[in-house]
Amino acid sequence: LRRMPEPDEISWNNVLAAYANTGRDDGLVSALRLLKAMEENDDAVKPSTISYNLIMDAMTNRGTIESAEKAEKLLHKMETQFEAGNTAVRPSGVSYNIVINGYAKSGSPDAGDKAQALLERMSSQAERWGSTEVSPDAVSYTSVIDSFANSGQRDAADRAESLLNTMHAESGIAPS
C-alpha cells in the first residue's frame, strides 16, 4: 500500500486560501482558527509569510478601516516573530502593500495617515533589516496616495501631491 503524503506548506496555504477567500465572515474566522492551529501545533506545518499574506489580503478585501487595522496587527505579529528569529514569517513588501492597500480601500478619514505611517515603518524596517525586498515601491506609494484620495480629508490632495514628489525625488521611483 502507498501511504498518503503528509500535507506540506502549499497544501495548508491552499486550505487557508479556500477559507479566507469565501468572502464570508465564517470563512475568515475558520482561516484564522487554522492559522492559530498551525502556529501552536508542534507537529503541524508552521505558517509562512505567504500564510499571513493570504489572511491579511482576505481581511483587507472587506474594505473597512477595522479590517485594515486587524491586518496591521497581524503584520506587527509577523515583524515581532521575525525579529525573534522566525525567518519563515519575514514580512515582505507585499505584506506591507496588502495592509496599505487595505487602508486605501476603507475610505476612512484617517486612512491616509495610517497608510503613510505604515509606509514610513516599511522604509525604516527595510533599513533596519538591510533588505531592499521590504523597501517601498511604486505600489506602496500609489496605495498611500490612493488612501489620501479616498479619505475625503481637506488637505488630502496636497498631501498626495507631496508624497508623489517624495516618491520621485527621494526614492527614485518614477510615477507611472
C-alpha atoms as a PDB file:
ATOM      1  CA  LEU A   1       0.000   0.000   0.000  1.00  0.00           C
ATOM      2  CA  ARG A   2       1.110   3.511  -0.730  1.00  0.00           C
ATOM      3  CA  ARG A   3       0.916   5.987   2.086  1.00  0.00           C
ATOM      4  CA  MET A   4      -0.705   9.326   1.532  1.00  0.00           C
ATOM      5  CA  PRO A   5       1.869  12.101   1.584  1.00  0.00           C
ATOM      6  CA  GLU A   6       1.885  14.434   4.550  1.00  0.00           C
ATOM      7  CA  PRO A   7       0.351  17.860   3.839  1.00  0.00           C
ATOM      8  CA  ASP A   8       3.053  20.451   3.217  1.00  0.00           C
ATOM      9  CA  GLU A   9       3.088  24.238   3.406  1.00  0.00           C
ATOM     10  CA  ILE A  10       1.476  24.556  -0.023  1.00  0.00           C
ATOM     11  CA  SER A  11      -1.385  22.260   0.999  1.00  0.00           C
ATOM     12  CA  TRP A  12      -2.005  24.175   4.223  1.00  0.00           C
ATOM     13  CA  ASN A  13      -1.844  27.526   2.431  1.00  0.00           C
ATOM     14  CA  ASN A  14      -4.356  26.298  -0.152  1.00  0.00           C
ATOM     15  CA  VAL A  15      -6.778  25.409   2.629  1.00  0.00           C
ATOM     16  CA  LEU A  16      -6.168  28.817   4.255  1.00  0.00           C
ATOM     17  CA  ALA A  17      -6.889  30.493   0.908  1.00  0.00           C
ATOM     18  CA  ALA A  18     -10.051  28.461   0.409  1.00  0.00           C
ATOM     19  CA  TYR A  19     -11.409  29.564   3.788  1.00  0.00           C
ATOM     20  CA  ALA A  20     -10.167  33.144   3.545  1.00  0.00           C
ATOM     21  CA  ASN A  21     -11.484  33.770   0.050  1.00  0.00           C
ATOM     22  CA  THR A  22     -15.071  32.713   0.643  1.00  0.00           C
ATOM     23  CA  GLY A  23     -15.933  36.358   1.230  1.00  0.00           C
ATOM     24  CA  ARG A  24     -17.914  35.306   4.278  1.00  0.00           C
ATOM     25  CA  ASP A  25     -17.093  36.118   7.883  1.00  0.00           C
ATOM     26  CA  ASP A  26     -17.228  32.451   8.904  1.00  0.00           C
ATOM     27  CA  GLY A  27     -14.639  31.629   6.231  1.00  0.00           C
ATOM     28  CA  LEU A  28     -12.237  34.223   7.581  1.00  0.00           C
ATOM     29  CA  VAL A  29     -12.877  33.001  11.132  1.00  0.00           C
ATOM     30  CA  SER A  30     -12.061  29.452  10.009  1.00  0.00           C
ATOM     31  CA  ALA A  31      -8.889  30.650   8.273  1.00  0.00           C
ATOM     32  CA  LEU A  32      -7.776  32.468  11.422  1.00  0.00           C
ATOM     33  CA  ARG A  33      -8.530  29.371  13.517  1.00  0.00           C
ATOM     34  CA  LEU A  34      -6.427  27.240  11.146  1.00  0.00           C
ATOM     35  CA  LEU A  35      -3.590  29.787  11.233  1.00  0.00           C
ATOM     36  CA  LYS A  36      -3.621  29.680  15.041  1.00  0.00           C
ATOM     37  CA  ALA A  37      -3.559  25.874  14.983  1.00  0.00           C
ATOM     38  CA  MET A  38      -0.566  25.972  12.625  1.00  0.00           C
ATOM     39  CA  GLU A  39       1.212  28.371  14.994  1.00  0.00           C
ATOM     40  CA  GLU A  40       0.528  26.334  18.132  1.00  0.00           C
ATOM     41  CA  ASN A  41       0.845  22.722  16.993  1.00  0.00           C
ATOM     42  CA  ASP A  42       4.411  21.458  17.134  1.00  0.00           C
ATOM     43  CA  ASP A  43       3.663  18.675  14.647  1.00  0.00           C
ATOM     44  CA  ALA A  44       1.926  20.857  12.061  1.00  0.00           C
ATOM     45  CA  VAL A  45       3.472  22.795   9.238  1.00  0.00           C
ATOM     46  CA  LYS A  46       4.248  26.268  10.532  1.00  0.00           C
ATOM     47  CA  PRO A  47       2.806  29.353   8.846  1.00  0.00           C
ATOM     48  CA  SER A  48       4.963  31.305   6.440  1.00  0.00           C
ATOM     49  CA  THR A  49       4.904  34.816   5.045  1.00  0.00           C
ATOM     50  CA  ILE A  50       2.528  33.520   2.373  1.00  0.00           C
ATOM     51  CA  SER A  51       0.165  32.159   5.032  1.00  0.00           C
ATOM     52  CA  TYR A  52      -0.055  35.528   6.746  1.00  0.00           C
ATOM     53  CA  ASN A  53      -0.351  37.400   3.437  1.00  0.00           C
ATOM     54  CA  LEU A  54      -3.330  35.235   2.446  1.00  0.00           C
ATOM     55  CA  ILE A  55      -5.136  36.083   5.671  1.00  0.00           C
ATOM     56  CA  MET A  56      -4.264  39.800   5.577  1.00  0.00           C
ATOM     57  CA  ASP A  57      -5.437  40.036   1.968  1.00  0.00           C
ATOM     58  CA  ALA A  58      -8.762  38.422   2.842  1.00  0.00           C
ATOM     59  CA  MET A  59      -9.148  40.810   5.780  1.00  0.00           C
ATOM     60  CA  THR A  60      -8.416  43.937   3.761  1.00  0.00           C
ATOM     61  CA  ASN A  61     -10.727  42.878   0.949  1.00  0.00           C
ATOM     62  CA  ARG A  62     -13.558  43.595   3.376  1.00  0.00           C
ATOM     63  CA  GLY A  63     -12.860  47.287   2.703  1.00  0.00           C
ATOM     64  CA  THR A  64     -13.299  48.583   6.257  1.00  0.00           C
ATOM     65  CA  ILE A  65     -10.925  50.505   8.482  1.00  0.00           C
ATOM     66  CA  GLU A  66     -11.401  47.819  11.148  1.00  0.00           C
ATOM     67  CA  SER A  67     -10.292  45.074   8.761  1.00  0.00           C
ATOM     68  CA  ALA A  68      -7.217  47.081   7.727  1.00  0.00           C
ATOM     69  CA  GLU A  69      -6.349  47.637  11.398  1.00  0.00           C
ATOM     70  CA  LYS A  70      -6.707  43.901  12.124  1.00  0.00           C
ATOM     71  CA  ALA A  71      -4.437  43.138   9.178  1.00  0.00           C
ATOM     72  CA  GLU A  72      -1.895  45.628  10.502  1.00  0.00           C
ATOM     73  CA  LYS A  73      -1.934  43.822  13.861  1.00  0.00           C
ATOM     74  CA  LEU A  74      -1.176  40.591  12.035  1.00  0.00           C
ATOM     75  CA  LEU A  75       1.652  42.352  10.179  1.00  0.00           C
ATOM     76  CA  HIS A  76       3.036  43.553  13.509  1.00  0.00           C
ATOM     77  CA  LYS A  77       2.891  39.952  14.760  1.00  0.00           C
ATOM     78  CA  MET A  78       4.939  38.894  11.730  1.00  0.00           C
ATOM     79  CA  GLU A  79       7.515  41.614  12.447  1.00  0.00           C
ATOM     80  CA  THR A  80       7.775  40.514  16.077  1.00  0.00           C
ATOM     81  CA  GLN A  81       8.159  36.839  15.171  1.00  0.00           C
ATOM     82  CA  PHE A  82      10.750  37.640  12.513  1.00  0.00           C
ATOM     83  CA  GLU A  83      12.770  39.755  14.926  1.00  0.00           C
ATOM     84  CA  ALA A  84      12.619  36.875  17.423  1.00  0.00           C
ATOM     85  CA  GLY A  85      14.310  34.642  14.845  1.00  0.00           C
ATOM     86  CA  ASN A  86      11.443  33.116  12.851  1.00  0.00           C
ATOM     87  CA  THR A  87      12.712  33.802   9.333  1.00  0.00           C
ATOM     88  CA  ALA A  88       9.789  31.916   7.746  1.00  0.00           C
ATOM     89  CA  VAL A  89       7.471  34.833   8.525  1.00  0.00           C
ATOM     90  CA  ARG A  90       9.691  37.694   7.402  1.00  0.00           C
ATOM     91  CA  PRO A  91       7.310  40.402   6.176  1.00  0.00           C
ATOM     92  CA  SER A  92       7.769  41.178   2.502  1.00  0.00           C
ATOM     93  CA  GLY A  93       6.994  44.292   0.517  1.00  0.00           C
ATOM     94  CA  VAL A  94       3.796  42.516  -0.496  1.00  0.00           C
ATOM     95  CA  SER A  95       2.871  42.101   3.187  1.00  0.00           C
ATOM     96  CA  TYR A  96       3.108  45.844   3.784  1.00  0.00           C
ATOM     97  CA  ASN A  97       1.401  46.709   0.500  1.00  0.00           C
ATOM     98  CA  ILE A  98      -1.578  44.496   1.345  1.00  0.00           C
ATOM     99  CA  VAL A  99      -2.208  46.458   4.534  1.00  0.00           C
ATOM    100  CA  ILE A 100      -1.526  49.865   2.963  1.00  0.00           C
ATOM    101  CA  ASN A 101      -3.971  48.993   0.181  1.00  0.00           C
ATOM    102  CA  GLY A 102      -6.462  47.900   2.839  1.00  0.00           C
ATOM    103  CA  TYR A 103      -6.407  51.417   4.249  1.00  0.00           C
ATOM    104  CA  ALA A 104      -6.959  52.804   0.737  1.00  0.00           C
ATOM    105  CA  LYS A 105      -9.991  50.548   0.252  1.00  0.00           C
ATOM    106  CA  SER A 106     -11.514  51.657   3.541  1.00  0.00           C
ATOM    107  CA  GLY A 107     -12.075  55.279   2.530  1.00  0.00           C
ATOM    108  CA  SER A 108     -11.767  56.227   6.188  1.00  0.00           C
ATOM    109  CA  PRO A 109     -10.880  59.853   7.004  1.00  0.00           C
ATOM    110  CA  ASP A 110      -7.714  58.730   8.811  1.00  0.00           C
ATOM    111  CA  ALA A 111      -6.749  56.084   6.220  1.00  0.00           C
ATOM    112  CA  GLY A 112      -4.146  58.333   4.597  1.00  0.00           C
ATOM    113  CA  ASP A 113      -2.441  58.988   7.920  1.00  0.00           C
ATOM    114  CA  LYS A 114      -2.382  55.291   8.822  1.00  0.00           C
ATOM    115  CA  ALA A 115      -1.164  54.277   5.374  1.00  0.00           C
ATOM    116  CA  GLN A 116       1.587  56.899   5.396  1.00  0.00           C
ATOM    117  CA  ALA A 117       2.712  55.822   8.875  1.00  0.00           C
ATOM    118  CA  LEU A 118       2.910  52.245   7.622  1.00  0.00           C
ATOM    119  CA  LEU A 119       4.890  53.374   4.559  1.00  0.00           C
ATOM    120  CA  GLU A 120       7.379  55.079   6.888  1.00  0.00           C
ATOM    121  CA  ARG A 121       7.559  51.964   9.076  1.00  0.00           C
ATOM    122  CA  MET A 122       8.147  49.873   5.961  1.00  0.00           C
ATOM    123  CA  SER A 123      11.016  52.124   4.962  1.00  0.00           C
ATOM    124  CA  SER A 124      12.607  52.037   8.413  1.00  0.00           C
ATOM    125  CA  GLN A 125      12.272  48.237   8.608  1.00  0.00           C
ATOM    126  CA  ALA A 126      13.967  47.892   5.211  1.00  0.00           C
ATOM    127  CA  GLU A 127      16.843  49.978   6.509  1.00  0.00           C
ATOM    128  CA  ARG A 128      16.967  48.190   9.861  1.00  0.00           C
ATOM    129  CA  TRP A 129      16.830  44.711   8.346  1.00  0.00           C
ATOM    130  CA  GLY A 130      19.133  45.642   5.469  1.00  0.00           C
ATOM    131  CA  SER A 131      16.595  44.412   2.943  1.00  0.00           C
ATOM    132  CA  THR A 132      15.546  46.015  -0.304  1.00  0.00           C
ATOM    133  CA  GLU A 133      12.732  43.439  -0.503  1.00  0.00           C
ATOM    134  CA  VAL A 134      10.858  45.426   2.125  1.00  0.00           C
ATOM    135  CA  SER A 135      11.622  48.851   0.635  1.00  0.00           C
ATOM    136  CA  PRO A 136       8.602  50.834  -0.529  1.00  0.00           C
ATOM    137  CA  ASP A 137       7.952  50.526  -4.234  1.00  0.00           C
ATOM    138  CA  ALA A 138       5.599  52.208  -6.715  1.00  0.00           C
ATOM    139  CA  VAL A 139       2.689  50.098  -5.408  1.00  0.00           C
ATOM    140  CA  SER A 140       3.405  51.234  -1.843  1.00  0.00           C
ATOM    141  CA  TYR A 141       3.441  54.904  -2.739  1.00  0.00           C
ATOM    142  CA  THR A 142       0.444  54.807  -5.059  1.00  0.00           C
ATOM    143  CA  SER A 143      -1.586  52.924  -2.450  1.00  0.00           C
ATOM    144  CA  VAL A 144      -0.829  55.635   0.125  1.00  0.00           C
ATOM    145  CA  ILE A 145      -1.748  58.296  -2.447  1.00  0.00           C
ATOM    146  CA  ASP A 146      -4.982  56.362  -3.072  1.00  0.00           C
ATOM    147  CA  SER A 147      -5.594  56.341   0.704  1.00  0.00           C
ATOM    148  CA  PHE A 148      -5.408  60.128   0.722  1.00  0.00           C
ATOM    149  CA  ALA A 149      -7.607  60.377  -2.360  1.00  0.00           C
ATOM    150  CA  ASN A 150     -10.304  58.210  -0.766  1.00  0.00           C
ATOM    151  CA  SER A 151     -10.097  59.809   2.685  1.00  0.00           C
ATOM    152  CA  GLY A 152     -12.071  62.954   1.984  1.00  0.00           C
ATOM    153  CA  GLN A 153      -9.665  64.967   4.123  1.00  0.00           C
ATOM    154  CA  ARG A 154      -9.484  68.657   3.365  1.00  0.00           C
ATOM    155  CA  ASP A 155      -5.725  68.567   2.696  1.00  0.00           C
ATOM    156  CA  ALA A 156      -5.707  65.148   1.008  1.00  0.00           C
ATOM    157  CA  ALA A 157      -4.804  66.446  -2.458  1.00  0.00           C
ATOM    158  CA  ASP A 158      -1.856  68.473  -1.147  1.00  0.00           C
ATOM    159  CA  ARG A 159      -0.569  65.531   0.879  1.00  0.00           C
ATOM    160  CA  ALA A 160      -0.984  63.158  -2.076  1.00  0.00           C
ATOM    161  CA  GLU A 161       0.955  65.530  -4.337  1.00  0.00           C
ATOM    162  CA  SER A 162       3.674  65.939  -1.726  1.00  0.00           C
ATOM    163  CA  LEU A 163       4.020  62.160  -1.485  1.00  0.00           C
ATOM    164  CA  LEU A 164       4.129  61.895  -5.272  1.00  0.00           C
ATOM    165  CA  ASN A 165       7.032  64.366  -5.299  1.00  0.00           C
ATOM    166  CA  THR A 166       8.774  62.467  -2.490  1.00  0.00           C
ATOM    167  CA  MET A 167       8.293  59.223  -4.375  1.00  0.00           C
ATOM    168  CA  HIS A 168      10.187  60.615  -7.330  1.00  0.00           C
ATOM    169  CA  ALA A 169      12.780  62.862  -5.630  1.00  0.00           C
ATOM    170  CA  GLU A 170      13.849  60.781  -2.618  1.00  0.00           C
ATOM    171  CA  SER A 171      13.078  57.241  -3.665  1.00  0.00           C
ATOM    172  CA  GLY A 172      13.910  57.496  -7.341  1.00  0.00           C
ATOM    173  CA  ILE A 173      10.616  55.881  -8.275  1.00  0.00           C
ATOM    174  CA  ALA A 174       9.085  57.447 -11.331  1.00  0.00           C
ATOM    175  CA  PRO A 175       5.319  57.952 -11.166  1.00  0.00           C
ATOM    176  CA  SER A 176       3.540  55.679 -13.598  1.00  0.00           C
END
